[in-house]
Protein backbone atom coordinates (compact mmCIF):
# COMPACT_ATOMS: atom_id res chain seq x y z
CA MET A 1 47.42 83.37 95.92
CA ARG A 2 46.57 79.70 95.38
CA PHE A 3 49.27 78.94 92.76
CA PRO A 4 52.22 79.92 94.90
CA LEU A 5 50.91 77.69 97.67
CA LEU A 6 50.79 74.71 95.38
CA ALA A 7 54.32 75.24 94.17
CA THR A 8 55.60 75.39 97.68
CA ALA A 9 53.87 72.10 98.61
CA SER A 10 55.36 70.36 95.59
CA LEU A 11 58.85 71.37 96.53
CA LEU A 12 58.38 69.99 100.03
CA LEU A 13 56.94 66.63 98.90
CA ALA A 14 59.44 65.82 96.06
CA PRO A 15 62.18 64.19 98.22
CA LEU A 16 59.68 62.00 99.92
CA LEU A 17 58.27 60.72 96.59
CA SER A 18 61.72 59.97 95.17
CA LEU A 19 62.66 57.84 98.15
CA SER A 20 59.44 55.77 97.96
CA ALA A 21 59.80 55.08 94.20
CA GLN A 22 63.32 53.81 94.60
CA THR A 23 62.25 51.42 97.32
CA SER A 24 59.39 49.98 95.14
CA LEU A 25 61.67 49.48 92.10
CA GLU A 26 64.17 47.51 94.08
CA SER A 27 61.46 45.34 95.45
CA ALA A 28 60.08 44.66 91.94
CA VAL A 29 63.46 43.77 90.54
CA SER A 30 64.09 41.39 93.37
CA SER A 31 60.69 39.71 92.75
CA VAL A 32 61.33 39.38 89.00
CA GLU A 33 64.72 37.86 89.52
CA SER A 34 63.24 35.34 91.92
CA SER A 35 60.51 34.41 89.41
CA LEU A 36 63.05 34.12 86.62
CA GLU A 37 65.13 31.72 88.58
CA ASP A 38 62.09 29.60 89.38
CA SER A 39 61.08 29.57 85.67
CA LEU A 40 64.54 28.59 84.52
CA ALA A 41 64.55 25.77 87.04
CA GLU A 42 61.16 24.59 85.86
CA LEU A 43 62.27 24.83 82.18
CA SER A 44 65.31 22.76 82.94
CA THR A 45 63.13 20.19 84.62
CA LEU A 46 60.72 20.09 81.61
CA ARG A 47 63.59 19.74 79.14
CA SER A 48 64.92 16.87 81.15
CA THR A 49 61.49 15.25 81.25
CA ILE A 50 61.00 15.78 77.48
CA ALA A 51 64.39 14.34 76.73
CA ASP A 52 63.52 11.32 78.82
CA GLU A 53 60.10 10.79 77.12
CA LYS A 54 61.09 11.68 73.49
CA ALA A 55 62.82 8.40 72.68
CA PRO A 56 59.88 6.15 73.70
CA LEU A 57 57.44 8.42 71.86
CA ALA A 58 59.56 8.37 68.72
CA LYS A 59 59.69 4.60 68.97
CA ASP A 60 55.91 4.44 69.35
CA LEU A 61 55.47 6.85 66.42
CA ASN A 62 57.63 4.72 64.17
CA SER A 63 55.65 1.65 65.22
CA LEU A 64 52.37 3.40 64.45
CA ASN A 65 53.67 4.62 61.06
CA ALA A 66 54.66 1.09 60.19
CA GLU A 67 51.23 -0.16 61.26
CA VAL A 68 49.54 2.55 59.16
CA SER A 69 51.64 1.53 56.16
CA ASP A 70 50.64 -2.09 56.62
CA LEU A 71 47.00 -1.14 56.97
CA ARG A 72 47.21 1.04 53.81
CA LYS A 73 48.65 -1.85 51.88
CA GLU A 74 45.91 -4.13 53.16
CA PHE A 75 43.33 -1.51 52.18
CA GLU A 76 44.72 -1.17 48.68
CA LYS A 77 44.77 -4.94 48.30
CA ALA A 78 41.19 -5.16 49.55
CA SER A 79 40.17 -2.36 47.14
CA ARG A 80 41.75 -4.18 44.22
CA THR A 81 40.04 -7.37 45.25
CA SER A 82 36.70 -5.54 45.54
CA ASP A 83 37.13 -3.91 42.11
CA ALA A 84 37.97 -7.24 40.55
CA THR A 85 34.97 -8.81 42.23
CA THR A 86 32.71 -6.00 41.02
CA MET A 87 34.10 -6.29 37.49
CA ASP A 88 33.58 -10.03 37.47
CA LEU A 89 30.03 -9.57 38.74
CA SER A 90 29.25 -7.00 36.02
CA SER A 91 30.70 -9.30 33.40
CA LEU A 92 28.64 -12.17 34.74
CA GLU A 93 25.50 -10.03 34.73
CA LEU A 94 26.24 -8.96 31.15
CA ASN A 95 26.78 -12.56 30.12
CA VAL A 96 23.58 -13.59 31.86
CA GLN A 97 21.68 -10.79 30.07
CA GLN A 98 23.14 -11.85 26.72
CA ARG A 99 22.20 -15.46 27.33
CA GLN A 100 18.71 -14.28 28.35
CA ASP A 101 18.40 -12.27 25.14
CA GLU A 102 19.49 -15.29 23.14
CA VAL A 103 16.90 -17.43 24.89
CA ASP A 104 14.21 -14.80 24.19
CA TYR A 105 15.26 -14.68 20.53
CA VAL A 106 15.10 -18.47 20.25
CA VAL A 107 11.68 -18.44 21.94
CA SER A 108 10.43 -15.81 19.49
CA LEU A 109 11.76 -17.81 16.52
CA MET A 110 10.05 -20.95 17.74
CA THR A 111 6.84 -18.99 18.35
CA GLU A 112 6.99 -17.67 14.79
CA TYR A 113 7.56 -21.17 13.45
CA ILE A 114 4.60 -22.51 15.42
CA SER A 115 2.42 -19.68 14.13
CA ASN A 116 3.55 -20.53 10.59
CA ILE A 117 2.44 -24.10 11.17
CA GLU A 118 -1.05 -22.75 11.80
CA SER A 119 -1.02 -20.46 8.76
CA ARG A 120 0.50 -22.97 6.35
CA ALA A 121 -1.41 -26.01 7.48
CA ASP A 122 -4.22 -27.15 5.26
CA PRO A 123 -7.71 -26.48 6.66
CA SER A 124 -8.23 -30.21 6.88
CA GLU A 125 -5.25 -30.50 9.28
CA LEU A 126 -6.36 -27.84 11.74
CA ASP A 127 -8.50 -30.25 13.75
CA THR A 128 -5.36 -32.34 14.38
CA TYR A 129 -2.82 -29.60 15.07
CA GLN A 130 -4.84 -26.64 16.30
CA PRO A 131 -5.20 -27.72 19.99
CA LYS A 132 -1.44 -28.21 20.41
CA ILE A 133 -0.68 -24.92 18.61
CA ASP A 134 -3.13 -23.00 20.78
CA SER A 135 -1.82 -24.48 24.03
CA THR A 136 1.78 -23.68 23.05
CA LEU A 137 0.99 -20.08 22.14
CA LEU A 138 -0.87 -19.65 25.43
CA ALA A 139 2.12 -21.06 27.31
CA VAL A 140 4.40 -18.45 25.73
CA ASP A 141 2.19 -15.65 27.04
CA ASP A 142 1.75 -17.21 30.50
CA PRO A 143 3.86 -15.17 32.99
CA GLU A 144 3.67 -17.90 35.65
CA LEU A 145 5.57 -20.45 33.57
CA SER A 146 9.35 -20.54 33.60
CA ARG A 147 11.44 -20.31 30.47
CA ILE A 148 12.24 -24.00 30.70
CA ASP A 149 8.56 -24.93 30.69
CA VAL A 150 7.86 -22.58 27.77
CA ILE A 151 10.77 -23.94 25.73
CA THR A 152 9.72 -27.51 26.53
CA ALA A 153 6.19 -26.82 25.24
CA GLN A 154 7.60 -25.15 22.14
CA LEU A 155 9.94 -28.05 21.42
CA GLU A 156 6.98 -30.43 21.59
CA ALA A 157 5.09 -28.24 19.08
CA ILE A 158 8.13 -28.07 16.80
CA GLU A 159 8.47 -31.84 16.96
CA MET A 160 4.81 -32.05 15.95
CA GLY A 161 5.53 -29.75 13.00
CA MET A 162 8.48 -31.88 11.89
CA GLU A 163 6.31 -34.97 12.07
CA ARG A 164 3.74 -33.16 9.94
CA ILE A 165 6.37 -32.37 7.31
CA ASP A 166 7.52 -36.00 7.25
CA SER A 167 3.94 -37.17 6.83
CA ILE A 168 2.96 -34.84 3.97
CA ILE A 169 6.19 -35.25 1.96
CA GLY A 170 5.29 -38.79 1.02
CA GLY A 171 1.55 -38.19 1.17
CA GLN A 172 -0.96 -38.53 3.96
CA VAL A 173 -4.49 -39.92 3.95
CA PHE A 174 -6.99 -39.34 6.76
CA SER A 175 -10.72 -38.98 7.26
CA GLY A 176 -12.58 -35.73 7.75
CA THR A 177 -15.41 -33.47 6.61
CA ALA A 178 -15.47 -30.75 3.99
CA VAL A 179 -17.96 -28.45 2.28
CA THR A 180 -18.64 -29.65 -1.26
CA ASP A 181 -19.64 -27.49 -4.21
CA SER A 182 -23.28 -28.14 -3.37
CA GLY A 183 -22.81 -26.29 -0.06
CA GLU A 184 -23.26 -29.39 2.13
CA LEU A 185 -20.84 -30.65 4.77
CA GLU A 186 -19.97 -34.22 3.79
CA GLU A 187 -17.70 -36.88 5.21
CA GLY A 188 -14.88 -38.31 3.16
CA THR A 189 -11.15 -38.77 2.92
CA PHE A 190 -8.45 -36.12 2.68
CA VAL A 191 -5.29 -36.70 0.68
CA LEU A 192 -2.36 -34.43 1.46
CA PHE A 193 0.57 -34.35 -0.92
CA GLY A 194 3.07 -31.61 -0.10
CA PRO A 195 1.28 -28.25 -0.03
CA VAL A 196 -1.70 -29.57 -2.03
CA SER A 197 -4.80 -31.04 -0.41
CA TYR A 198 -7.50 -33.19 -2.03
CA PHE A 199 -10.84 -34.49 -0.77
CA SER A 200 -12.85 -37.46 -1.90
CA ALA A 201 -16.42 -37.62 -0.58
CA LYS A 202 -18.20 -40.89 0.07
CA ASN A 203 -20.59 -40.18 -2.81
CA GLY A 204 -17.66 -40.16 -5.27
CA SER A 205 -17.28 -36.43 -5.78
CA GLY A 206 -13.99 -34.77 -5.03
CA GLY A 207 -11.51 -32.07 -5.88
CA LEU A 208 -8.98 -29.69 -4.44
CA THR A 209 -9.58 -28.16 -1.01
CA MET A 210 -9.16 -24.56 0.05
CA ALA A 211 -10.03 -22.56 3.15
CA GLY A 212 -13.75 -21.74 3.11
CA LYS A 213 -15.45 -18.70 4.54
CA SER A 214 -17.05 -20.83 7.24
CA GLY A 215 -13.67 -22.10 8.44
CA GLU A 216 -14.32 -25.58 7.08
CA PRO A 217 -12.33 -26.90 4.09
CA ALA A 218 -14.13 -26.09 0.84
CA VAL A 219 -13.92 -28.47 -2.13
CA ILE A 220 -13.26 -27.10 -5.61
CA PRO A 221 -14.17 -29.69 -8.28
CA VAL A 222 -11.45 -30.67 -10.73
CA LYS A 223 -12.66 -31.67 -14.15
CA GLY A 224 -11.87 -35.34 -14.72
CA GLY A 225 -10.01 -35.66 -11.42
CA SER A 226 -12.66 -37.10 -9.09
CA ASP A 227 -11.95 -40.73 -10.01
CA THR A 228 -8.19 -40.48 -9.59
CA ILE A 229 -8.59 -38.70 -6.25
CA ALA A 230 -11.00 -41.41 -5.07
CA THR A 231 -8.52 -44.09 -6.13
CA VAL A 232 -5.67 -42.51 -4.17
CA ALA A 233 -7.95 -41.95 -1.15
CA SER A 234 -8.92 -45.62 -1.07
CA SER A 235 -5.61 -47.27 -1.96
CA SER A 236 -3.06 -44.57 -0.88
CA SER A 237 -1.41 -44.82 -4.29
CA GLY A 238 -2.04 -43.57 -7.79
CA GLU A 239 -1.91 -40.36 -9.79
CA LEU A 240 -3.27 -36.98 -8.67
CA PRO A 241 -4.11 -33.83 -10.64
CA LEU A 242 -1.54 -31.19 -9.67
CA ASP A 243 -2.04 -27.43 -9.57
CA PRO A 244 1.46 -25.89 -9.87
CA THR A 245 0.13 -22.48 -8.82
CA LEU A 246 -0.98 -23.86 -5.43
CA GLY A 247 -4.57 -22.76 -5.93
CA LYS A 248 -3.87 -19.31 -7.35
CA ALA A 249 -5.10 -20.25 -10.82
CA ILE A 250 -8.32 -21.58 -9.35
CA ALA A 251 -8.72 -18.45 -7.25
CA ILE A 252 -8.25 -16.29 -10.34
CA ALA A 253 -10.72 -18.43 -12.28
CA SER A 254 -13.26 -17.99 -9.50
CA THR A 255 -13.08 -14.22 -9.97
CA GLU A 256 -14.03 -14.42 -13.65
CA GLU A 257 -17.45 -13.02 -14.40
CA SER A 258 -19.84 -12.93 -17.28
CA ILE A 259 -20.55 -9.83 -19.34
CA ALA A 260 -23.91 -9.39 -17.60
CA GLU A 261 -22.29 -9.58 -14.15
CA HIS A 262 -19.64 -7.09 -15.25
CA ILE A 263 -22.31 -4.69 -16.50
CA LEU A 264 -24.37 -4.95 -13.32
CA LYS A 265 -21.31 -4.04 -11.22
CA GLY A 266 -21.21 -0.70 -12.99
CA GLY A 267 -24.34 0.59 -11.34
CA VAL A 268 -27.23 2.53 -12.81
CA TRP A 269 -25.18 4.81 -15.06
CA VAL A 270 -24.05 1.91 -17.23
CA PHE A 271 -27.51 1.55 -18.78
CA PRO A 272 -27.68 5.07 -20.28
CA ILE A 273 -24.20 4.50 -21.68
CA LEU A 274 -25.31 1.20 -23.21
CA GLY A 275 -28.43 2.92 -24.57
CA PHE A 276 -26.30 5.54 -26.32
CA ALA A 277 -24.04 2.75 -27.59
CA LEU A 278 -26.99 0.88 -29.08
CA VAL A 279 -28.38 3.98 -30.78
CA SER A 280 -24.94 4.95 -32.08
CA MET A 281 -24.29 1.46 -33.42
CA ILE A 282 -27.63 1.28 -35.25
CA ILE A 283 -27.20 4.73 -36.78
CA SER A 284 -23.59 4.01 -37.72
CA ILE A 285 -24.53 0.80 -39.52
CA TYR A 286 -27.45 2.50 -41.27
CA LYS A 287 -25.38 5.51 -42.35
CA LEU A 288 -22.49 3.29 -43.41
CA PHE A 289 -24.84 1.31 -45.65
CA GLU A 290 -26.49 4.48 -46.91
CA LEU A 291 -23.29 6.35 -47.77
CA VAL A 292 -21.41 3.35 -49.16
CA THR A 293 -24.30 2.61 -51.53
CA VAL A 294 -24.18 6.14 -52.94
CA LYS A 295 -22.60 5.56 -56.33
CA GLY A 296 -20.59 8.08 -58.23
CA LEU A 297 -21.06 9.01 -61.86
CA PRO A 298 -19.73 6.58 -64.44
CA GLY A 299 -16.88 7.83 -66.55
CA GLY A 300 -17.95 10.06 -69.45
CA ALA A 301 -21.55 10.48 -68.21
CA ILE A 302 -21.36 14.27 -68.00
CA THR A 303 -19.70 14.48 -71.42
CA LYS A 304 -22.44 12.32 -72.97
CA ILE A 305 -25.21 14.46 -71.47
CA VAL A 306 -23.49 17.66 -72.62
CA LYS A 307 -23.14 16.26 -76.16
CA LEU A 308 -26.82 15.29 -76.28
CA TYR A 309 -27.82 18.73 -75.08
CA ARG A 310 -25.46 20.36 -77.56
CA GLY A 311 -26.96 18.28 -80.33
CA GLY A 312 -30.38 19.68 -79.51
CA ASP A 313 -31.76 16.49 -78.02
CA LYS A 314 -32.67 17.90 -74.60
CA GLU A 315 -35.24 15.22 -73.83
CA LYS A 316 -32.75 12.44 -74.37
CA ALA A 317 -30.19 14.29 -72.31
CA LEU A 318 -32.72 14.64 -69.52
CA HIS A 319 -33.53 10.95 -69.80
CA GLU A 320 -29.85 10.05 -69.52
CA ALA A 321 -29.43 12.31 -66.47
CA ARG A 322 -32.41 10.79 -64.68
CA ALA A 323 -31.08 7.33 -65.39
CA LEU A 324 -27.87 8.05 -63.43
CA PRO A 325 -27.78 6.72 -59.83
CA GLY A 326 -27.65 8.71 -56.62
CA PRO A 327 -27.92 12.44 -55.97
CA SER A 328 -25.52 13.18 -58.84
CA GLY A 329 -28.14 11.99 -61.34
CA GLU A 330 -30.81 14.12 -59.70
CA LEU A 331 -28.45 17.12 -59.75
CA LEU A 332 -27.69 16.69 -63.47
CA ALA A 333 -31.39 16.25 -64.25
CA VAL A 334 -32.12 19.60 -62.60
CA GLY A 335 -29.21 21.08 -64.52
CA VAL A 336 -30.51 19.79 -67.88
CA GLU A 337 -33.98 21.12 -67.12
CA ASN A 338 -32.55 24.60 -66.44
CA ALA A 339 -29.70 24.56 -68.94
CA ASP A 340 -31.28 27.32 -70.97
CA GLU A 341 -30.99 29.76 -68.06
CA PRO A 342 -28.06 32.14 -67.74
CA LYS A 343 -24.87 30.74 -66.22
CA GLU A 344 -25.18 32.61 -62.91
CA LEU A 345 -28.79 31.50 -62.47
CA LEU A 346 -27.93 27.93 -63.44
CA GLU A 347 -25.12 27.88 -60.81
CA GLU A 348 -27.51 29.20 -58.14
CA ILE A 349 -30.10 26.53 -59.06
CA LEU A 350 -27.52 23.75 -58.83
CA LEU A 351 -26.13 25.19 -55.56
CA GLU A 352 -29.64 25.25 -54.10
CA ARG A 353 -30.07 21.64 -55.12
CA MET A 354 -26.79 20.68 -53.43
CA ILE A 355 -27.78 22.54 -50.25
CA ALA A 356 -31.07 20.64 -50.24
CA THR A 357 -29.21 17.35 -50.73
CA GLN A 358 -26.59 17.95 -47.99
CA PRO A 359 -28.91 17.47 -44.94
CA LYS A 360 -30.06 14.11 -46.38
CA ILE A 361 -26.48 12.95 -46.69
CA GLU A 362 -25.32 14.26 -43.29
CA ARG A 363 -28.45 13.44 -41.32
CA LEU A 364 -28.03 11.44 -38.05
CA LEU A 365 -24.27 12.01 -38.00
CA SER A 366 -24.77 14.50 -35.18
CA VAL A 367 -26.30 11.74 -33.06
CA ILE A 368 -23.08 9.74 -33.37
CA ALA A 369 -21.06 12.82 -32.43
CA VAL A 370 -23.28 13.44 -29.42
CA THR A 371 -22.79 9.81 -28.33
CA ALA A 372 -19.02 10.13 -28.64
CA ALA A 373 -19.11 13.25 -26.43
CA THR A 374 -21.74 12.12 -23.92
CA ALA A 375 -20.55 8.58 -23.17
CA PRO A 376 -17.31 9.68 -21.39
CA LEU A 377 -19.26 12.27 -19.41
CA LEU A 378 -21.72 9.62 -18.25
CA GLY A 379 -18.75 7.42 -17.35
CA LEU A 380 -17.27 10.28 -15.35
CA LEU A 381 -20.60 10.79 -13.62
CA GLY A 382 -20.66 7.11 -12.71
CA THR A 383 -17.11 7.45 -11.40
CA VAL A 384 -18.11 10.35 -9.16
CA THR A 385 -21.15 8.52 -7.76
CA GLY A 386 -19.09 5.37 -7.24
CA MET A 387 -16.42 7.28 -5.30
CA ILE A 388 -19.12 8.97 -3.22
CA ASN A 389 -20.51 5.55 -2.31
CA THR A 390 -16.99 4.33 -1.54
CA PHE A 391 -16.32 7.22 0.83
CA LYS A 392 -19.64 6.58 2.55
CA LEU A 393 -18.62 2.98 3.15
CA ILE A 394 -15.19 4.10 4.38
CA THR A 395 -16.94 6.40 6.86
CA ILE A 396 -18.96 3.46 8.18
CA PHE A 397 -16.61 0.47 7.91
CA GLY A 398 -13.18 2.11 7.60
CA THR A 399 -10.51 0.94 5.16
CA GLY A 400 -9.88 -2.47 6.70
CA ASP A 401 -12.55 -4.39 4.78
CA ALA A 402 -11.75 -4.27 1.06
CA LYS A 403 -14.82 -6.31 0.10
CA SER A 404 -17.19 -3.67 1.46
CA LEU A 405 -15.47 -1.07 -0.74
CA SER A 406 -15.40 -3.16 -3.92
CA GLY A 407 -18.95 -2.18 -4.95
CA GLY A 408 -18.27 1.55 -5.08
CA ILE A 409 -14.87 1.05 -6.69
CA SER A 410 -16.38 -1.24 -9.35
CA GLU A 411 -19.05 1.33 -10.11
CA ALA A 412 -16.43 4.06 -10.33
CA LEU A 413 -14.18 2.15 -12.73
CA ILE A 414 -16.66 0.18 -14.84
CA THR A 415 -18.72 3.22 -15.84
CA THR A 416 -15.55 4.97 -17.01
CA GLU A 417 -14.57 1.82 -18.88
CA PHE A 418 -17.91 1.56 -20.69
CA GLY A 419 -17.93 5.29 -21.39
CA LEU A 420 -14.59 5.04 -23.16
CA VAL A 421 -15.51 1.80 -24.92
CA VAL A 422 -18.59 3.49 -26.38
CA ALA A 423 -16.98 6.88 -27.10
CA ILE A 424 -13.91 5.68 -29.01
CA PRO A 425 -15.75 3.61 -31.69
CA SER A 426 -18.43 6.32 -31.98
CA LEU A 427 -15.77 8.93 -32.57
CA LEU A 428 -14.08 6.78 -35.23
CA PHE A 429 -17.38 6.02 -36.97
CA HIS A 430 -18.32 9.69 -36.96
CA ALA A 431 -14.99 10.69 -38.46
CA PHE A 432 -15.25 8.06 -41.21
CA LEU A 433 -18.89 8.79 -42.05
CA ALA A 434 -18.38 12.56 -41.98
CA ARG A 435 -15.43 12.18 -44.34
CA ARG A 436 -17.56 10.00 -46.61
CA ALA A 437 -20.37 12.59 -46.61
CA LYS A 438 -17.92 15.39 -47.46
CA SER A 439 -16.55 13.27 -50.30
CA ILE A 440 -20.05 12.84 -51.74
CA MET A 441 -20.73 16.55 -51.48
CA ALA A 442 -17.42 17.32 -53.15
CA GLY A 443 -18.36 14.92 -55.98
CA LEU A 444 -21.68 16.73 -56.41
CA GLU A 445 -19.89 20.06 -56.57
CA ARG A 446 -17.44 18.78 -59.20
CA SER A 447 -20.29 17.35 -61.26
CA ALA A 448 -22.23 20.62 -61.12
CA MET A 449 -19.20 22.69 -62.13
CA SER A 450 -18.34 20.33 -64.99
CA PHE A 451 -21.90 20.37 -66.27
CA VAL A 452 -22.20 24.17 -66.08
CA ASN A 453 -18.85 24.72 -67.77
CA GLY A 454 -19.67 22.19 -70.51
CA VAL A 455 -23.16 23.51 -71.24
CA LYS A 456 -22.24 27.21 -71.23
CA ALA A 457 -19.07 26.63 -73.21
CA THR A 458 -21.07 24.76 -75.80
CA SER A 459 -23.70 27.46 -75.94
CA LYS A 460 -21.02 30.07 -76.48
């Protein structure tokens, strides 16, 4: 029942709703048209206002663009100016650094020259030049001094060095003290001539001067030169003995040593080597005399003995054999005494005699051979002990001081030297004497064979 009621109500209300909607639409249209007219009027007003203001704004914009262009140009010009200024500043800094490096290089060269003055100056000159050299070198290392002050001090030192060169080229004479060969510090006169320095003491002695271990000039006497040095020292003219090696020859001569000093540097193992050398030398001389004096058989001696024996005169043959010198005569005498024995027995008897003779001929040769073999081994032993001592000193003192190592090195080398000096002659002597002994034994064997063959052939 409800649905039909609703339908009926809708039909009754429809005309009323249609009339109301139409009224509202007309009102809205009227309102929109009124607003549109107002907006168009306002737009027209704005366009008019914009048109009026556009020309001045365009003019202002053009003016501002022109000003911006001018400012950009000024900026670019300022940038170029700044870049040029920066480049010039960098170039100036580089030039300043280069000039500074050149100044440092010149300062280092002058410092090296001043140091060379100290190293090349004669010990007698150090008292004169050392204070200025020391003060200049200290000025170089002083950070508070400017470069100008340092260079000024260096130039003064260089001027001093040039004055020194001028003074020693033509010769310079001045007083001073030096250590003479007696070890005493004596007063006298120095004579400088180029790189050579002389000293003449007041007592008349003199010689060349060199740097001493104490720092004072040391005088090395020159044979026959004291008088001429004294003359030049007193009169500033004359002749001087000249050492063209600038002291090197004298330094080498000072290192020369006697045989005893050379032996003592070898250490304890040199004495056994020298003992073997003495024994080997005595035996070699004795054996050389002994073997050289062994005479061979004269020509035809065996034939003569064989003929006497063949003729039945055995006693005379025995007498002739005993009269022959050396072991060959003794061998033939034994052969004559046993000539009646069979050939095999006679050969055995003679062989036994040769075997008994061989040790006498070859005796003491083994001692020489032992010396030739032992001496190098003793030298090697001395080398090992010397190197051990050297390494001990290196452990204590390091490798900076060569003098502290010279003892061990001398022991290491000298023992090897003496070992070889003893071994080589011993080996040569042994070879010669052994060859001589073999030659004698070969002669005995030839004599025995000739005798046996002659006697048995005759008997047959």
